[in-house]
């Protein structure tokens, strides 16, 4: 995957300056989101209450994300890093909720606020994972 992305992004000048791991991080984030949603939708289809389906999908999604980010983005399969990964998720949750609260103070609704925070949150998640979890 890294070779294909390198070939593609080395041809486009603006992408030459970007960290290939950052690009892979956002690509894998899309896969992780799809995985989590599919688990959630499947469990709803099976008749589970949305609260239980959401909880199970979140737990399985976090474990899946840990493995995909670790192996596909940061080339690290050390399972001992799971606690740090969970800490990053906790930080990201707090940042997300806090940013939505701040947006609410200036009358920006949660839909728009979360859309505004999508890229900054992704960058923060990448930096936290790179520096705290999968540091090289």
Foldseek 3Di string as FASTA:
>chain_A
DLVVLCVVQVVPVVSVPPDSLLVQLVVVVVVLVVQLVVQLVVVVVVPDDSVVSNVVSVVVSLVVSVQCSQCVRLNHRDPVLSVLSVVLVVVLVVVLVVQQVVCVVVPDHSVVSVVVCVVVSSVSSSVSCCPGRSDD
